[in-house]
């Protein structure tokens, strides 16, 4: 989703930038489903909690980085137009 804006210029802008809007919801979904799976994996010998933790960590990273970029962009635009 984050690489879609780097598609070639001949790809329509709607296709290039539309998936970017799903980064935060997908990250939140990854965190929630990871935490639910982690609670379900406790006490099971054949479960792999490291994979669940990795998914939750990647979802958290996606949410935090996306929000950080949004805050930075708002701050930079605010500074540019003052």
PDB file of N, CA and C in Angstrom:
ATOM      1  N   UNK A   1       0.817  -1.195   0.000  1.00  0.00           N
ATOM      2  CA  UNK A   1       0.000   0.000   0.000  1.00  0.00           C
ATOM      3  C   UNK A   1       0.865   1.265   0.000  1.00  0.00           C
ATOM      4  N   UNK A   2       1.961   1.205   0.714  1.00  0.00           N
ATOM      5  CA  UNK A   2       2.804   2.394   0.806  1.00  0.00           C
ATOM      6  C   UNK A   2       3.599   2.628  -0.472  1.00  0.00           C
ATOM      7  N   UNK A   3       3.774   1.608  -1.285  1.00  0.00           N
ATOM      8  CA  UNK A   3       4.563   1.736  -2.502  1.00  0.00           C
ATOM      9  C   UNK A   3       3.722   2.106  -3.719  1.00  0.00           C
ATOM     10  N   UNK A   4       2.414   2.121  -3.597  1.00  0.00           N
ATOM     11  CA  UNK A   4       1.558   2.437  -4.743  1.00  0.00           C
ATOM     12  C   UNK A   4       1.818   3.825  -5.341  1.00  0.00           C
ATOM     13  N   UNK A   5       2.129   4.864  -4.549  1.00  0.00           N
ATOM     14  CA  UNK A   5       2.420   6.154  -5.182  1.00  0.00           C
ATOM     15  C   UNK A   5       3.661   6.133  -6.070  1.00  0.00           C
ATOM     16  N   UNK A   6       4.508   5.129  -5.923  1.00  0.00           N
ATOM     17  CA  UNK A   6       5.715   5.043  -6.734  1.00  0.00           C
ATOM     18  C   UNK A   6       5.518   4.238  -8.008  1.00  0.00           C
ATOM     19  N   UNK A   7       4.278   3.914  -8.329  1.00  0.00           N
ATOM     20  CA  UNK A   7       3.994   3.236  -9.589  1.00  0.00           C
ATOM     21  C   UNK A   7       4.320   4.178 -10.743  1.00  0.00           C
ATOM     22  N   UNK A   8       4.471   3.664 -11.956  1.00  0.00           N
ATOM     23  CA  UNK A   8       4.802   4.536 -13.097  1.00  0.00           C
ATOM     24  C   UNK A   8       3.761   5.626 -13.308  1.00  0.00           C
ATOM     25  N   UNK A   9       4.174   6.680 -13.965  1.00  0.00           N
ATOM     26  CA  UNK A   9       3.317   7.850 -14.162  1.00  0.00           C
ATOM     27  C   UNK A   9       2.113   7.545 -15.044  1.00  0.00           C
ATOM     28  N   UNK A  10       2.196   6.525 -15.900  1.00  0.00           N
ATOM     29  CA  UNK A  10       1.067   6.228 -16.784  1.00  0.00           C
ATOM     30  C   UNK A  10      -0.095   5.583 -16.043  1.00  0.00           C
ATOM     31  N   UNK A  11       0.131   5.133 -14.802  1.00  0.00           N
ATOM     32  CA  UNK A  11      -0.952   4.569 -14.001  1.00  0.00           C
ATOM     33  C   UNK A  11      -1.810   5.728 -13.491  1.00  0.00           C
ATOM     34  N   UNK A  12      -3.125   5.665 -13.605  1.00  0.00           N
ATOM     35  CA  UNK A  12      -3.970   6.770 -13.147  1.00  0.00           C
ATOM     36  C   UNK A  12      -3.765   7.070 -11.653  1.00  0.00           C
ATOM     37  N   UNK A  13      -3.898   8.347 -11.301  1.00  0.00           N
ATOM     38  CA  UNK A  13      -3.681   8.759  -9.912  1.00  0.00           C
ATOM     39  C   UNK A  13      -4.645   8.082  -8.946  1.00  0.00           C
ATOM     40  N   UNK A  14      -5.850   7.803  -9.381  1.00  0.00           N
ATOM     41  CA  UNK A  14      -6.798   7.115  -8.509  1.00  0.00           C
ATOM     42  C   UNK A  14      -6.304   5.738  -8.098  1.00  0.00           C
ATOM     43  N   UNK A  15      -5.652   5.059  -9.009  1.00  0.00           N
ATOM     44  CA  UNK A  15      -5.107   3.742  -8.713  1.00  0.00           C
ATOM     45  C   UNK A  15      -3.839   3.862  -7.873  1.00  0.00           C
ATOM     46  N   UNK A  16      -3.055   4.897  -8.110  1.00  0.00           N
ATOM     47  CA  UNK A  16      -1.792   5.056  -7.400  1.00  0.00           C
ATOM     48  C   UNK A  16      -1.989   5.467  -5.947  1.00  0.00           C
ATOM     49  N   UNK A  17      -2.947   6.317  -5.659  1.00  0.00           N
ATOM     50  CA  UNK A  17      -3.065   6.874  -4.317  1.00  0.00           C
ATOM     51  C   UNK A  17      -4.224   6.333  -3.500  1.00  0.00           C
ATOM     52  N   UNK A  18      -5.165   5.610  -4.099  1.00  0.00           N
ATOM     53  CA  UNK A  18      -6.308   5.096  -3.348  1.00  0.00           C
ATOM     54  C   UNK A  18      -5.910   4.117  -2.239  1.00  0.00           C
ATOM     55  N   UNK A  19      -4.974   3.171  -2.446  1.00  0.00           N
ATOM     56  CA  UNK A  19      -4.611   2.241  -1.358  1.00  0.00           C
ATOM     57  C   UNK A  19      -3.939   2.911  -0.159  1.00  0.00           C
ATOM     58  N   UNK A  20      -3.400   4.094  -0.340  1.00  0.00           N
ATOM     59  CA  UNK A  20      -2.736   4.785   0.767  1.00  0.00           C
ATOM     60  C   UNK A  20      -3.729   5.081   1.887  1.00  0.00           C
ATOM     61  N   UNK A  21      -4.980   5.278   1.545  1.00  0.00           N
ATOM     62  CA  UNK A  21      -5.991   5.597   2.551  1.00  0.00           C
ATOM     63  C   UNK A  21      -6.325   4.403   3.439  1.00  0.00           C
ATOM     64  N   UNK A  22      -5.898   3.219   3.056  1.00  0.00           N
ATOM     65  CA  UNK A  22      -6.199   2.019   3.836  1.00  0.00           C
ATOM     66  C   UNK A  22      -5.060   1.590   4.753  1.00  0.00           C
ATOM     67  N   UNK A  23      -3.968   2.339   4.816  1.00  0.00           N
ATOM     68  CA  UNK A  23      -2.830   1.940   5.630  1.00  0.00           C
ATOM     69  C   UNK A  23      -3.189   1.930   7.110  1.00  0.00           C
ATOM     70  N   UNK A  24      -3.781   2.999   7.620  1.00  0.00           N
ATOM     71  CA  UNK A  24      -4.113   3.065   9.043  1.00  0.00           C
ATOM     72  C   UNK A  24      -5.187   2.035   9.412  1.00  0.00           C
ATOM     73  N   UNK A  25      -6.288   1.907   8.668  1.00  0.00           N
ATOM     74  CA  UNK A  25      -7.256   0.857   9.029  1.00  0.00           C
ATOM     75  C   UNK A  25      -6.668  -0.548   8.953  1.00  0.00           C
ATOM     76  N   UNK A  26      -5.814  -0.824   7.969  1.00  0.00           N
ATOM     77  CA  UNK A  26      -5.189  -2.144   7.877  1.00  0.00           C
ATOM     78  C   UNK A  26      -4.245  -2.375   9.042  1.00  0.00           C
ATOM     79  N   UNK A  27      -3.524  -1.347   9.465  1.00  0.00           N
ATOM     80  CA  UNK A  27      -2.646  -1.476  10.621  1.00  0.00           C
ATOM     81  C   UNK A  27      -3.414  -1.718  11.905  1.00  0.00           C
ATOM     82  N   UNK A  28      -4.514  -1.014  12.064  1.00  0.00           N
ATOM     83  CA  UNK A  28      -5.353  -1.218  13.253  1.00  0.00           C
ATOM     84  C   UNK A  28      -5.932  -2.632  13.241  1.00  0.00           C
ATOM     85  N   UNK A  29      -6.362  -3.091  12.082  1.00  0.00           N
ATOM     86  CA  UNK A  29      -6.864  -4.461  11.967  1.00  0.00           C
ATOM     87  C   UNK A  29      -5.793  -5.490  12.286  1.00  0.00           C
ATOM     88  N   UNK A  30      -4.556  -5.236  11.866  1.00  0.00           N
ATOM     89  CA  UNK A  30      -3.459  -6.162  12.164  1.00  0.00           C
ATOM     90  C   UNK A  30      -3.178  -6.223  13.656  1.00  0.00           C
ATOM     91  N   UNK A  31      -3.210  -5.073  14.315  1.00  0.00           N
ATOM     92  CA  UNK A  31      -2.963  -5.050  15.753  1.00  0.00           C
ATOM     93  C   UNK A  31      -4.073  -5.782  16.497  1.00  0.00           C
ATOM     94  N   UNK A  32      -5.306  -5.482  16.166  1.00  0.00           N
ATOM     95  CA  UNK A  32      -6.439  -6.102  16.865  1.00  0.00           C
ATOM     96  C   UNK A  32      -6.465  -7.610  16.632  1.00  0.00           C
ATOM     97  N   UNK A  33      -6.339  -8.030  15.379  1.00  0.00           N
ATOM     98  CA  UNK A  33      -6.374  -9.468  15.111  1.00  0.00           C
ATOM     99  C   UNK A  33      -5.159 -10.175  15.709  1.00  0.00           C
ATOM    100  N   UNK A  34      -4.010  -9.509  15.760  1.00  0.00           N
ATOM    101  CA  UNK A  34      -2.836 -10.095  16.382  1.00  0.00           C
ATOM    102  C   UNK A  34      -3.015 -10.284  17.873  1.00  0.00           C
ATOM    103  N   UNK A  35      -3.601  -9.299  18.532  1.00  0.00           N
ATOM    104  CA  UNK A  35      -3.819  -9.422  19.975  1.00  0.00           C
ATOM    105  C   UNK A  35      -4.869 -10.481  20.295  1.00  0.00           C
ATOM    106  N   UNK A  36      -5.895 -10.582  19.460  1.00  0.00           N
ATOM    107  CA  UNK A  36      -6.903 -11.629  19.658  1.00  0.00           C
ATOM    108  C   UNK A  36      -6.275 -13.009  19.456  1.00  0.00           C
ATOM    109  N   UNK A  37      -5.456 -13.148  18.417  1.00  0.00           N
ATOM    110  CA  UNK A  37      -4.796 -14.426  18.169  1.00  0.00           C
ATOM    111  C   UNK A  37      -3.790 -14.762  19.266  1.00  0.00           C
ATOM    112  N   UNK A  38      -3.140 -13.742  19.816  1.00  0.00           N
ATOM    113  CA  UNK A  38      -2.190 -13.976  20.903  1.00  0.00           C
ATOM    114  C   UNK A  38      -2.893 -14.488  22.147  1.00  0.00           C
ATOM    115  N   UNK A  39      -4.045 -13.919  22.447  1.00  0.00           N
ATOM    116  CA  UNK A  39      -4.783 -14.397  23.613  1.00  0.00           C
ATOM    117  C   UNK A  39      -5.316 -15.805  23.381  1.00  0.00           C
ATOM    118  N   UNK A  40      -5.638 -16.146  22.149  1.00  0.00           N
ATOM    119  CA  UNK A  40      -6.107 -17.492  21.838  1.00  0.00           C
ATOM    120  C   UNK A  40      -4.977 -18.509  21.800  1.00  0.00           C
ATOM    121  N   UNK A  41      -3.739 -18.045  21.567  1.00  0.00           N
ATOM    122  CA  UNK A  41      -2.601 -18.952  21.462  1.00  0.00           C
ATOM    123  C   UNK A  41      -1.980 -19.271  22.815  1.00  0.00           C
ATOM    124  N   UNK A  42      -2.359 -18.579  23.846  1.00  0.00           N
ATOM    125  CA  UNK A  42      -1.772 -18.839  25.163  1.00  0.00           C
ATOM    126  C   UNK A  42      -2.195 -20.214  25.664  1.00  0.00           C
ATOM    127  N   UNK A  43      -1.227 -20.948  26.136  1.00  0.00           N
ATOM    128  CA  UNK A  43      -1.503 -22.265  26.681  1.00  0.00           C
ATOM    129  C   UNK A  43      -1.503 -23.378  25.655  1.00  0.00           C
ATOM    130  N   UNK A  44      -1.305 -23.053  24.391  1.00  0.00           N
ATOM    131  CA  UNK A  44      -1.260 -24.081  23.354  1.00  0.00           C
ATOM    132  C   UNK A  44       0.191 -24.352  22.990  1.00  0.00           C
ATOM    133  N   UNK A  45       0.559 -25.603  22.963  1.00  0.00           N
ATOM    134  CA  UNK A  45       1.945 -25.974  22.688  1.00  0.00           C
ATOM    135  C   UNK A  45       2.317 -25.777  21.216  1.00  0.00           C
ATOM    136  N   UNK A  46       1.388 -26.028  20.301  1.00  0.00           N
ATOM    137  CA  UNK A  46       1.712 -25.962  18.876  1.00  0.00           C
ATOM    138  C   UNK A  46       1.550 -24.562  18.291  1.00  0.00           C
ATOM    139  N   UNK A  47       1.150 -23.587  19.078  1.00  0.00           N
ATOM    140  CA  UNK A  47       0.965 -22.216  18.593  1.00  0.00           C
ATOM    141  C   UNK A  47       2.324 -21.515  18.470  1.00  0.00           C
ATOM    142  N   UNK A  48       2.390 -20.549  17.574  1.00  0.00           N
ATOM    143  CA  UNK A  48       3.618 -19.776  17.372  1.00  0.00           C
ATOM    144  C   UNK A  48       3.360 -18.324  17.760  1.00  0.00           C
ATOM    145  N   UNK A  49       3.512 -17.989  19.047  1.00  0.00           N
ATOM    146  CA  UNK A  49       3.220 -16.615  19.462  1.00  0.00           C
ATOM    147  C   UNK A  49       4.191 -15.586  18.895  1.00  0.00           C
ATOM    148  N   UNK A  50       5.360 -16.008  18.462  1.00  0.00           N
ATOM    149  CA  UNK A  50       6.301 -15.047  17.883  1.00  0.00           C
ATOM    150  C   UNK A  50       5.764 -14.470  16.574  1.00  0.00           C
ATOM    151  N   UNK A  51       5.066 -15.274  15.789  1.00  0.00           N
ATOM    152  CA  UNK A  51       4.468 -14.775  14.544  1.00  0.00           C
ATOM    153  C   UNK A  51       3.346 -13.788  14.842  1.00  0.00           C
ATOM    154  N   UNK A  52       2.588 -14.075  15.887  1.00  0.00           N
ATOM    155  CA  UNK A  52       1.490 -13.180  16.259  1.00  0.00           C
ATOM    156  C   UNK A  52       2.058 -11.859  16.750  1.00  0.00           C
ATOM    157  N   UNK A  53       3.094 -11.924  17.559  1.00  0.00           N
ATOM    158  CA  UNK A  53       3.724 -10.691  18.049  1.00  0.00           C
ATOM    159  C   UNK A  53       4.325  -9.887  16.903  1.00  0.00           C
ATOM    160  N   UNK A  54       4.915 -10.564  15.933  1.00  0.00           N
ATOM    161  CA  UNK A  54       5.482  -9.867  14.777  1.00  0.00           C
ATOM    162  C   UNK A  54       4.391  -9.165  13.976  1.00  0.00           C
ATOM    163  N   UNK A  55       3.251  -9.812  13.787  1.00  0.00           N
ATOM    164  CA  UNK A  55       2.145  -9.177  13.068  1.00  0.00           C
ATOM    165  C   UNK A  55       1.609  -7.970  13.806  1.00  0.00           C
ATOM    166  N   UNK A  56       1.467  -8.088  15.122  1.00  0.00           N
ATOM    167  CA  UNK A  56       0.988  -6.952  15.914  1.00  0.00           C
ATOM    168  C   UNK A  56       2.013  -5.818  15.887  1.00  0.00           C
ATOM    169  N   UNK A  57       3.290  -6.155  15.934  1.00  0.00           N
ATOM    170  CA  UNK A  57       4.327  -5.124  15.893  1.00  0.00           C
ATOM    171  C   UNK A  57       4.354  -4.418  14.541  1.00  0.00           C
ATOM    172  N   UNK A  58       4.206  -5.167  13.453  1.00  0.00           N
ATOM    173  CA  UNK A  58       4.180  -4.542  12.135  1.00  0.00           C
ATOM    174  C   UNK A  58       2.941  -3.673  11.948  1.00  0.00           C
ATOM    175  N   UNK A  59       1.809  -4.111  12.482  1.00  0.00           N
ATOM    176  CA  UNK A  59       0.599  -3.287  12.424  1.00  0.00           C
ATOM    177  C   UNK A  59       0.766  -2.002  13.211  1.00  0.00           C
ATOM    178  N   UNK A  60       1.374  -2.114  14.387  1.00  0.00           N
ATOM    179  CA  UNK A  60       1.628  -0.919  15.196  1.00  0.00           C
ATOM    180  C   UNK A  60       2.577   0.027  14.471  1.00  0.00           C
ATOM    181  N   UNK A  61       3.598  -0.530  13.848  1.00  0.00           N
ATOM    182  CA  UNK A  61       4.542   0.295  13.087  1.00  0.00           C
ATOM    183  C   UNK A  61       3.850   1.003  11.932  1.00  0.00           C
ATOM    184  N   UNK A  62       2.969   0.313  11.241  1.00  0.00           N
ATOM    185  CA  UNK A  62       2.244   0.936  10.126  1.00  0.00           C
ATOM    186  C   UNK A  62       1.388   2.091  10.601  1.00  0.00           C
ATOM    187  N   UNK A  63       0.709   1.914  11.730  1.00  0.00           N
ATOM    188  CA  UNK A  63      -0.154   2.978  12.251  1.00  0.00           C
ATOM    189  C   UNK A  63       0.687   4.167  12.719  1.00  0.00           C
ATOM    190  N   UNK A  64       1.735   3.898  13.478  1.00  0.00           N
ATOM    191  CA  UNK A  64       2.551   4.979  14.042  1.00  0.00           C
ATOM    192  C   UNK A  64       3.271   5.754  12.943  1.00  0.00           C
ATOM    193  N   UNK A  65       3.864   5.044  11.981  1.00  0.00           N
ATOM    194  CA  UNK A  65       4.561   5.751  10.903  1.00  0.00           C
ATOM    195  C   UNK A  65       3.601   6.559  10.035  1.00  0.00           C
ATOM    196  N   UNK A  66       2.437   6.006   9.755  1.00  0.00           N
ATOM    197  CA  UNK A  66       1.463   6.746   8.941  1.00  0.00           C
ATOM    198  C   UNK A  66       1.006   8.011   9.647  1.00  0.00           C
ATOM    199  N   UNK A  67       0.701   7.898  10.928  1.00  0.00           N
ATOM    200  CA  UNK A  67       0.274   9.082  11.668  1.00  0.00           C
ATOM    201  C   UNK A  67       1.405  10.086  11.826  1.00  0.00           C
ATOM    202  N   UNK A  68       2.648   9.603  11.971  1.00  0.00           N
ATOM    203  CA  UNK A  68       3.789  10.518  12.063  1.00  0.00           C
ATOM    204  C   UNK A  68       3.977  11.289  10.761  1.00  0.00           C
ATOM    205  N   UNK A  69       3.813  10.622   9.632  1.00  0.00           N
ATOM    206  CA  UNK A  69       3.941  11.305   8.341  1.00  0.00           C
ATOM    207  C   UNK A  69       2.824  12.330   8.161  1.00  0.00           C
ATOM    208  N   UNK A  70       1.621  11.989   8.590  1.00  0.00           N
ATOM    209  CA  UNK A  70       0.507  12.937   8.484  1.00  0.00           C
ATOM    210  C   UNK A  70       0.754  14.158   9.348  1.00  0.00           C
ATOM    211  N   UNK A  71       1.204  13.958  10.574  1.00  0.00           N
ATOM    212  CA  UNK A  71       1.492  15.089  11.470  1.00  0.00           C
ATOM    213  C   UNK A  71       2.620  15.934  10.895  1.00  0.00           C
ATOM    214  N   UNK A  72       3.667  15.287  10.368  1.00  0.00           N
ATOM    215  CA  UNK A  72       4.770  16.035   9.774  1.00  0.00           C
ATOM    216  C   UNK A  72       4.298  16.845   8.573  1.00  0.00           C
ATOM    217  N   UNK A  73       3.461  16.257   7.720  1.00  0.00           N
ATOM    218  CA  UNK A  73       2.976  16.958   6.536  1.00  0.00           C
ATOM    219  C   UNK A  73       2.124  18.165   6.921  1.00  0.00           C
ATOM    220  N   UNK A  74       1.269  18.006   7.920  1.00  0.00           N
ATOM    221  CA  UNK A  74       0.452  19.133   8.375  1.00  0.00           C
ATOM    222  C   UNK A  74       1.346  20.232   8.939  1.00  0.00           C
ATOM    223  N   UNK A  75       2.346  19.843   9.730  1.00  0.00           N
ATOM    224  CA  UNK A  75       3.269  20.830  10.303  1.00  0.00           C
ATOM    225  C   UNK A  75       4.050  21.539   9.203  1.00  0.00           C
ATOM    226  N   UNK A  76       4.570  20.794   8.215  1.00  0.00           N
ATOM    227  CA  UNK A  76       5.359  21.389   7.138  1.00  0.00           C
ATOM    228  C   UNK A  76       4.507  22.326   6.292  1.00  0.00           C
ATOM    229  N   UNK A  77       3.284  21.933   5.982  1.00  0.00           N
ATOM    230  CA  UNK A  77       2.401  22.811   5.217  1.00  0.00           C
ATOM    231  C   UNK A  77       2.034  24.055   6.007  1.00  0.00           C
ATOM    232  N   UNK A  78       1.852  23.899   7.311  1.00  0.00           N
ATOM    233  CA  UNK A  78       1.547  25.049   8.154  1.00  0.00           C
ATOM    234  C   UNK A  78       2.722  26.025   8.185  1.00  0.00           C
ATOM    235  N   UNK A  79       3.926  25.514   8.244  1.00  0.00           N
ATOM    236  CA  UNK A  79       5.112  26.369   8.245  1.00  0.00           C
ATOM    237  C   UNK A  79       5.317  27.045   6.908  1.00  0.00           C
ATOM    238  N   UNK A  80       4.969  26.366   5.821  1.00  0.00           N
ATOM    239  CA  UNK A  80       5.189  26.917   4.488  1.00  0.00           C
ATOM    240  C   UNK A  80       4.231  28.061   4.176  1.00  0.00           C
ATOM    241  N   UNK A  81       3.040  28.027   4.763  1.00  0.00           N
ATOM    242  CA  UNK A  81       2.043  29.031   4.431  1.00  0.00           C
ATOM    243  C   UNK A  81       1.872  30.087   5.504  1.00  0.00           C
ATOM    244  N   UNK A  82       2.840  30.201   6.398  1.00  0.00           N
ATOM    245  CA  UNK A  82       2.747  31.264   7.417  1.00  0.00           C
ATOM    246  C   UNK A  82       3.471  32.494   6.978  1.00  0.00           C
TER     247      UNK A  82
END
